[in-house]
PDB file of N, CA and C in Angstrom:
ATOM      1  N   MET A   1       5.152   1.868  34.584  1.00  0.00           N
ATOM      2  CA  MET A   1       6.476   1.971  35.155  1.00  0.00           C
ATOM      3  C   MET A   1       7.523   1.395  34.199  1.00  0.00           C
ATOM      4  N   ASP A   2       7.217   0.279  33.542  1.00  0.00           N
ATOM      5  CA  ASP A   2       8.157  -0.326  32.590  1.00  0.00           C
ATOM      6  C   ASP A   2       8.498   0.624  31.453  1.00  0.00           C
ATOM      7  N   VAL A   3       7.499   1.364  30.993  1.00  0.00           N
ATOM      8  CA  VAL A   3       7.722   2.311  29.900  1.00  0.00           C
ATOM      9  C   VAL A   3       8.693   3.402  30.344  1.00  0.00           C
ATOM     10  N   LEU A   4       8.555   3.869  31.570  1.00  0.00           N
ATOM     11  CA  LEU A   4       9.459   4.897  32.084  1.00  0.00           C
ATOM     12  C   LEU A   4      10.887   4.364  32.193  1.00  0.00           C
ATOM     13  N   GLU A   5      11.044   3.135  32.653  1.00  0.00           N
ATOM     14  CA  GLU A   5      12.366   2.531  32.760  1.00  0.00           C
ATOM     15  C   GLU A   5      12.990   2.352  31.382  1.00  0.00           C
ATOM     16  N   GLN A   6      12.205   1.899  30.413  1.00  0.00           N
ATOM     17  CA  GLN A   6      12.708   1.733  29.060  1.00  0.00           C
ATOM     18  C   GLN A   6      13.103   3.084  28.469  1.00  0.00           C
ATOM     19  N   SER A   7      12.296   4.097  28.741  1.00  0.00           N
ATOM     20  CA  SER A   7      12.585   5.438  28.240  1.00  0.00           C
ATOM     21  C   SER A   7      13.894   5.958  28.838  1.00  0.00           C
ATOM     22  N   GLU A   8      14.104   5.735  30.125  1.00  0.00           N
ATOM     23  CA  GLU A   8      15.333   6.170  30.779  1.00  0.00           C
ATOM     24  C   GLU A   8      16.539   5.403  30.222  1.00  0.00           C
ATOM     25  N   ASP A   9      16.376   4.099  30.014  1.00  0.00           N
ATOM     26  CA  ASP A   9      17.460   3.294  29.438  1.00  0.00           C
ATOM     27  C   ASP A   9      17.810   3.782  28.037  1.00  0.00           C
ATOM     28  N   LEU A  10      16.811   4.100  27.260  1.00  0.00           N
ATOM     29  CA  LEU A  10      17.033   4.595  25.905  1.00  0.00           C
ATOM     30  C   LEU A  10      17.742   5.944  25.930  1.00  0.00           C
ATOM     31  N   ARG A  11      17.355   6.805  26.846  1.00  0.00           N
ATOM     32  CA  ARG A  11      18.008   8.106  26.995  1.00  0.00           C
ATOM     33  C   ARG A  11      19.484   7.920  27.342  1.00  0.00           C
ATOM     34  N   LYS A  12      19.764   7.003  28.253  1.00  0.00           N
ATOM     35  CA  LYS A  12      21.150   6.719  28.631  1.00  0.00           C
ATOM     36  C   LYS A  12      21.939   6.190  27.436  1.00  0.00           C
ATOM     37  N   LEU A  13      21.330   5.288  26.672  1.00  0.00           N
ATOM     38  CA  LEU A  13      22.002   4.723  25.507  1.00  0.00           C
ATOM     39  C   LEU A  13      22.360   5.819  24.510  1.00  0.00           C
ATOM     40  N   TYR A  14      21.419   6.695  24.216  1.00  0.00           N
ATOM     41  CA  TYR A  14      21.699   7.768  23.259  1.00  0.00           C
ATOM     42  C   TYR A  14      22.749   8.734  23.785  1.00  0.00           C
ATOM     43  N   ALA A  15      22.743   8.986  25.085  1.00  0.00           N
ATOM     44  CA  ALA A  15      23.770   9.848  25.670  1.00  0.00           C
ATOM     45  C   ALA A  15      25.146   9.193  25.521  1.00  0.00           C
ATOM     46  N   CYS A  16      25.207   7.881  25.738  1.00  0.00           N
ATOM     47  CA  CYS A  16      26.473   7.166  25.585  1.00  0.00           C
ATOM     48  C   CYS A  16      26.911   7.122  24.119  1.00  0.00           C
ATOM     49  N   LEU A  17      25.969   6.918  23.218  1.00  0.00           N
ATOM     50  CA  LEU A  17      26.296   6.936  21.789  1.00  0.00           C
ATOM     51  C   LEU A  17      26.879   8.286  21.387  1.00  0.00           C
ATOM     52  N   ASP A  18      26.356   9.353  21.966  1.00  0.00           N
ATOM     53  CA  ASP A  18      26.872  10.696  21.657  1.00  0.00           C
ATOM     54  C   ASP A  18      28.321  10.857  22.096  1.00  0.00           C
ATOM     55  N   GLY A  19      28.776  10.004  23.015  1.00  0.00           N
ATOM     56  CA  GLY A  19      30.155  10.054  23.470  1.00  0.00           C
ATOM     57  C   GLY A  19      31.146   9.413  22.520  1.00  0.00           C
ATOM     58  N   LEU A  20      30.639   8.692  21.523  1.00  0.00           N
ATOM     59  CA  LEU A  20      31.509   8.064  20.525  1.00  0.00           C
ATOM     60  C   LEU A  20      31.875   9.069  19.440  1.00  0.00           C
ATOM     61  N   GLU A  21      33.028   8.844  18.811  1.00  0.00           N
ATOM     62  CA  GLU A  21      33.385   9.652  17.646  1.00  0.00           C
ATOM     63  C   GLU A  21      32.325   9.454  16.575  1.00  0.00           C
ATOM     64  N   GLN A  22      32.118  10.465  15.751  1.00  0.00           N
ATOM     65  CA  GLN A  22      31.026  10.445  14.779  1.00  0.00           C
ATOM     66  C   GLN A  22      31.040   9.212  13.878  1.00  0.00           C
ATOM     67  N   GLU A  23      32.194   8.887  13.276  1.00  0.00           N
ATOM     68  CA  GLU A  23      32.248   7.728  12.373  1.00  0.00           C
ATOM     69  C   GLU A  23      31.948   6.429  13.111  1.00  0.00           C
ATOM     70  N   ARG A  24      32.464   6.311  14.305  1.00  0.00           N
ATOM     71  CA  ARG A  24      32.237   5.087  15.081  1.00  0.00           C
ATOM     72  C   ARG A  24      30.783   4.987  15.518  1.00  0.00           C
ATOM     73  N   ARG A  25      30.193   6.104  15.902  1.00  0.00           N
ATOM     74  CA  ARG A  25      28.775   6.111  16.275  1.00  0.00           C
ATOM     75  C   ARG A  25      27.923   5.674  15.098  1.00  0.00           C
ATOM     76  N   GLU A  26      28.233   6.216  13.929  1.00  0.00           N
ATOM     77  CA  GLU A  26      27.480   5.858  12.730  1.00  0.00           C
ATOM     78  C   GLU A  26      27.674   4.380  12.395  1.00  0.00           C
ATOM     79  N   ALA A  27      28.901   3.882  12.532  1.00  0.00           N
ATOM     80  CA  ALA A  27      29.177   2.470  12.248  1.00  0.00           C
ATOM     81  C   ALA A  27      28.393   1.554  13.186  1.00  0.00           C
ATOM     82  N   VAL A  28      28.345   1.905  14.464  1.00  0.00           N
ATOM     83  CA  VAL A  28      27.600   1.098  15.441  1.00  0.00           C
ATOM     84  C   VAL A  28      26.120   1.078  15.084  1.00  0.00           C
ATOM     85  N   LYS A  29      25.576   2.239  14.783  1.00  0.00           N
ATOM     86  CA  LYS A  29      24.155   2.310  14.427  1.00  0.00           C
ATOM     87  C   LYS A  29      23.859   1.510  13.164  1.00  0.00           C
ATOM     88  N   LEU A  30      24.712   1.651  12.156  1.00  0.00           N
ATOM     89  CA  LEU A  30      24.486   0.923  10.911  1.00  0.00           C
ATOM     90  C   LEU A  30      24.602  -0.586  11.123  1.00  0.00           C
ATOM     91  N   ALA A  31      25.569  -1.003  11.942  1.00  0.00           N
ATOM     92  CA  ALA A  31      25.769  -2.433  12.174  1.00  0.00           C
ATOM     93  C   ALA A  31      24.637  -3.037  12.995  1.00  0.00           C
ATOM     94  N   TYR A  32      24.285  -2.401  14.094  1.00  0.00           N
ATOM     95  CA  TYR A  32      23.381  -3.022  15.054  1.00  0.00           C
ATOM     96  C   TYR A  32      21.925  -2.604  14.923  1.00  0.00           C
ATOM     97  N   LEU A  33      21.660  -1.527  14.229  1.00  0.00           N
ATOM     98  CA  LEU A  33      20.276  -1.135  13.996  1.00  0.00           C
ATOM     99  C   LEU A  33      19.822  -1.448  12.575  1.00  0.00           C
ATOM    100  N   ASP A  34      20.748  -1.311  11.611  1.00  0.00           N
ATOM    101  CA  ASP A  34      20.383  -1.497  10.212  1.00  0.00           C
ATOM    102  C   ASP A  34      20.914  -2.794   9.612  1.00  0.00           C
ATOM    103  N   GLY A  35      21.710  -3.536  10.373  1.00  0.00           N
ATOM    104  CA  GLY A  35      22.162  -4.849   9.918  1.00  0.00           C
ATOM    105  C   GLY A  35      23.293  -4.845   8.901  1.00  0.00           C
ATOM    106  N   PHE A  36      24.043  -3.752   8.817  1.00  0.00           N
ATOM    107  CA  PHE A  36      25.172  -3.716   7.895  1.00  0.00           C
ATOM    108  C   PHE A  36      26.231  -4.715   8.341  1.00  0.00           C
ATOM    109  N   SER A  37      26.842  -5.405   7.393  1.00  0.00           N
ATOM    110  CA  SER A  37      27.944  -6.310   7.700  1.00  0.00           C
ATOM    111  C   SER A  37      29.226  -5.505   7.875  1.00  0.00           C
ATOM    112  N   ARG A  38      30.251  -6.159   8.400  1.00  0.00           N
ATOM    113  CA  ARG A  38      31.551  -5.494   8.526  1.00  0.00           C
ATOM    114  C   ARG A  38      32.077  -5.092   7.156  1.00  0.00           C
ATOM    115  N   GLN A  39      31.857  -5.953   6.164  1.00  0.00           N
ATOM    116  CA  GLN A  39      32.301  -5.625   4.807  1.00  0.00           C
ATOM    117  C   GLN A  39      31.543  -4.411   4.269  1.00  0.00           C
ATOM    118  N   ASP A  40      30.235  -4.371   4.517  1.00  0.00           N
ATOM    119  CA  ASP A  40      29.438  -3.199   4.103  1.00  0.00           C
ATOM    120  C   ASP A  40      30.002  -1.927   4.719  1.00  0.00           C
ATOM    121  N   LEU A  41      30.321  -2.005   5.997  1.00  0.00           N
ATOM    122  CA  LEU A  41      30.857  -0.830   6.692  1.00  0.00           C
ATOM    123  C   LEU A  41      32.236  -0.457   6.163  1.00  0.00           C
ATOM    124  N   ALA A  42      33.068  -1.459   5.889  1.00  0.00           N
ATOM    125  CA  ALA A  42      34.399  -1.200   5.337  1.00  0.00           C
ATOM    126  C   ALA A  42      34.289  -0.477   3.999  1.00  0.00           C
ATOM    127  N   ASP A  43      33.374  -0.934   3.160  1.00  0.00           N
ATOM    128  CA  ASP A  43      33.157  -0.285   1.865  1.00  0.00           C
ATOM    129  C   ASP A  43      32.651   1.143   2.047  1.00  0.00           C
ATOM    130  N   ARG A  44      31.747   1.333   2.973  1.00  0.00           N
ATOM    131  CA  ARG A  44      31.142   2.647   3.183  1.00  0.00           C
ATOM    132  C   ARG A  44      32.147   3.658   3.746  1.00  0.00           C
ATOM    133  N   PHE A  45      32.974   3.215   4.700  1.00  0.00           N
ATOM    134  CA  PHE A  45      33.899   4.133   5.369  1.00  0.00           C
ATOM    135  C   PHE A  45      35.292   4.145   4.753  1.00  0.00           C
ATOM    136  N   GLY A  46      35.564   3.230   3.832  1.00  0.00           N
ATOM    137  CA  GLY A  46      36.854   3.204   3.167  1.00  0.00           C
ATOM    138  C   GLY A  46      37.999   2.734   4.053  1.00  0.00           C
ATOM    139  N   HIS A  47      37.692   1.824   4.963  1.00  0.00           N
ATOM    140  CA  HIS A  47      38.700   1.255   5.861  1.00  0.00           C
ATOM    141  C   HIS A  47      38.669  -0.263   5.728  1.00  0.00           C
ATOM    142  N   PRO A  48      39.775  -0.927   6.085  1.00  0.00           N
ATOM    143  CA  PRO A  48      39.785  -2.394   6.044  1.00  0.00           C
ATOM    144  C   PRO A  48      38.780  -2.986   7.048  1.00  0.00           C
ATOM    145  N   VAL A  49      38.349  -4.198   6.761  1.00  0.00           N
ATOM    146  CA  VAL A  49      37.402  -4.887   7.637  1.00  0.00           C
ATOM    147  C   VAL A  49      37.958  -5.001   9.055  1.00  0.00           C
ATOM    148  N   GLY A  50      39.250  -5.253   9.183  1.00  0.00           N
ATOM    149  CA  GLY A  50      39.858  -5.361  10.506  1.00  0.00           C
ATOM    150  C   GLY A  50      39.714  -4.086  11.319  1.00  0.00           C
ATOM    151  N   THR A  51      39.821  -2.950  10.661  1.00  0.00           N
ATOM    152  CA  THR A  51      39.639  -1.665  11.339  1.00  0.00           C
ATOM    153  C   THR A  51      38.203  -1.519  11.816  1.00  0.00           C
ATOM    154  N   ILE A  52      37.274  -1.895  10.975  1.00  0.00           N
ATOM    155  CA  ILE A  52      35.852  -1.813  11.336  1.00  0.00           C
ATOM    156  C   ILE A  52      35.570  -2.730  12.528  1.00  0.00           C
ATOM    157  N   LYS A  53      36.129  -3.925  12.503  1.00  0.00           N
ATOM    158  CA  LYS A  53      35.948  -4.868  13.615  1.00  0.00           C
ATOM    159  C   LYS A  53      36.463  -4.245  14.911  1.00  0.00           C
ATOM    160  N   THR A  54      37.615  -3.611  14.850  1.00  0.00           N
ATOM    161  CA  THR A  54      38.190  -2.958  16.025  1.00  0.00           C
ATOM    162  C   THR A  54      37.311  -1.803  16.490  1.00  0.00           C
ATOM    163  N   TRP A  55      36.837  -0.993  15.542  1.00  0.00           N
ATOM    164  CA  TRP A  55      35.935   0.111  15.895  1.00  0.00           C
ATOM    165  C   TRP A  55      34.728  -0.406  16.666  1.00  0.00           C
ATOM    166  N   LEU A  56      34.093  -1.447  16.106  1.00  0.00           N
ATOM    167  CA  LEU A  56      32.878  -1.965  16.734  1.00  0.00           C
ATOM    168  C   LEU A  56      33.180  -2.532  18.120  1.00  0.00           C
ATOM    169  N   HIS A  57      34.256  -3.292  18.221  1.00  0.00           N
ATOM    170  CA  HIS A  57      34.617  -3.897  19.501  1.00  0.00           C
ATOM    171  C   HIS A  57      34.878  -2.813  20.552  1.00  0.00           C
ATOM    172  N   ARG A  58      35.690  -1.844  20.213  1.00  0.00           N
ATOM    173  CA  ARG A  58      36.018  -0.775  21.171  1.00  0.00           C
ATOM    174  C   ARG A  58      34.813   0.101  21.484  1.00  0.00           C
ATOM    175  N   SER A  59      33.988   0.337  20.483  1.00  0.00           N
ATOM    176  CA  SER A  59      32.789   1.158  20.699  1.00  0.00           C
ATOM    177  C   SER A  59      31.810   0.455  21.625  1.00  0.00           C
ATOM    178  N   LEU A  60      31.622  -0.839  21.440  1.00  0.00           N
ATOM    179  CA  LEU A  60      30.725  -1.583  22.322  1.00  0.00           C
ATOM    180  C   LEU A  60      31.246  -1.612  23.750  1.00  0.00           C
ATOM    181  N   LYS A  61      32.569  -1.729  23.899  1.00  0.00           N
ATOM    182  CA  LYS A  61      33.156  -1.694  25.235  1.00  0.00           C
ATOM    183  C   LYS A  61      32.921  -0.321  25.860  1.00  0.00           C
ATOM    184  N   GLN A  62      33.119   0.729  25.089  1.00  0.00           N
ATOM    185  CA  GLN A  62      32.899   2.085  25.605  1.00  0.00           C
ATOM    186  C   GLN A  62      31.436   2.269  26.005  1.00  0.00           C
ATOM    187  N   LEU A  63      30.517   1.769  25.195  1.00  0.00           N
ATOM    188  CA  LEU A  63      29.083   1.880  25.528  1.00  0.00           C
ATOM    189  C   LEU A  63      28.767   1.093  26.798  1.00  0.00           C
ATOM    190  N   LYS A  64      29.328  -0.096  26.905  1.00  0.00           N
ATOM    191  CA  LYS A  64      29.105  -0.926  28.089  1.00  0.00           C
ATOM    192  C   LYS A  64      29.607  -0.209  29.344  1.00  0.00           C
ATOM    193  N   ASP A  65      30.799   0.362  29.266  1.00  0.00           N
ATOM    194  CA  ASP A  65      31.359   1.099  30.398  1.00  0.00           C
ATOM    195  C   ASP A  65      30.498   2.317  30.735  1.00  0.00           C
ATOM    196  N   CYS A  66      30.045   3.018  29.723  1.00  0.00           N
ATOM    197  CA  CYS A  66      29.223   4.205  29.928  1.00  0.00           C
ATOM    198  C   CYS A  66      27.883   3.852  30.591  1.00  0.00           C
ATOM    199  N   LEU A  67      27.312   2.735  30.166  1.00  0.00           N
ATOM    200  CA  LEU A  67      26.016   2.317  30.704  1.00  0.00           C
ATOM    201  C   LEU A  67      26.152   1.663  32.069  1.00  0.00           C
ATOM    202  N   GLY A  68      27.394   1.331  32.439  1.00  0.00           N
ATOM    203  CA  GLY A  68      27.618   0.722  33.748  1.00  0.00           C
ATOM    204  C   GLY A  68      27.174  -0.725  33.834  1.00  0.00           C
ATOM    205  N   THR A  69      27.247  -1.425  32.699  1.00  0.00           N
ATOM    206  CA  THR A  69      26.848  -2.846  32.697  1.00  0.00           C
ATOM    207  C   THR A  69      28.033  -3.742  32.488  1.00  0.00           C
TER     208      THR A  69
END
């Protein structure tokens, strides 16, 4: 039963990630799955660190709202 619940949670997470703009989705994945720093992301996307920080903050809020947590 736990495996089914985890699978459903993962499906929901990916559905919510798909709701993000492409660059922001990629930034979230790189930051939280691959461990990229904000500076790494700024260099990769060509935006200031402050912009990346805002992207991540707003994206996490959007994911939280989407997941209903």
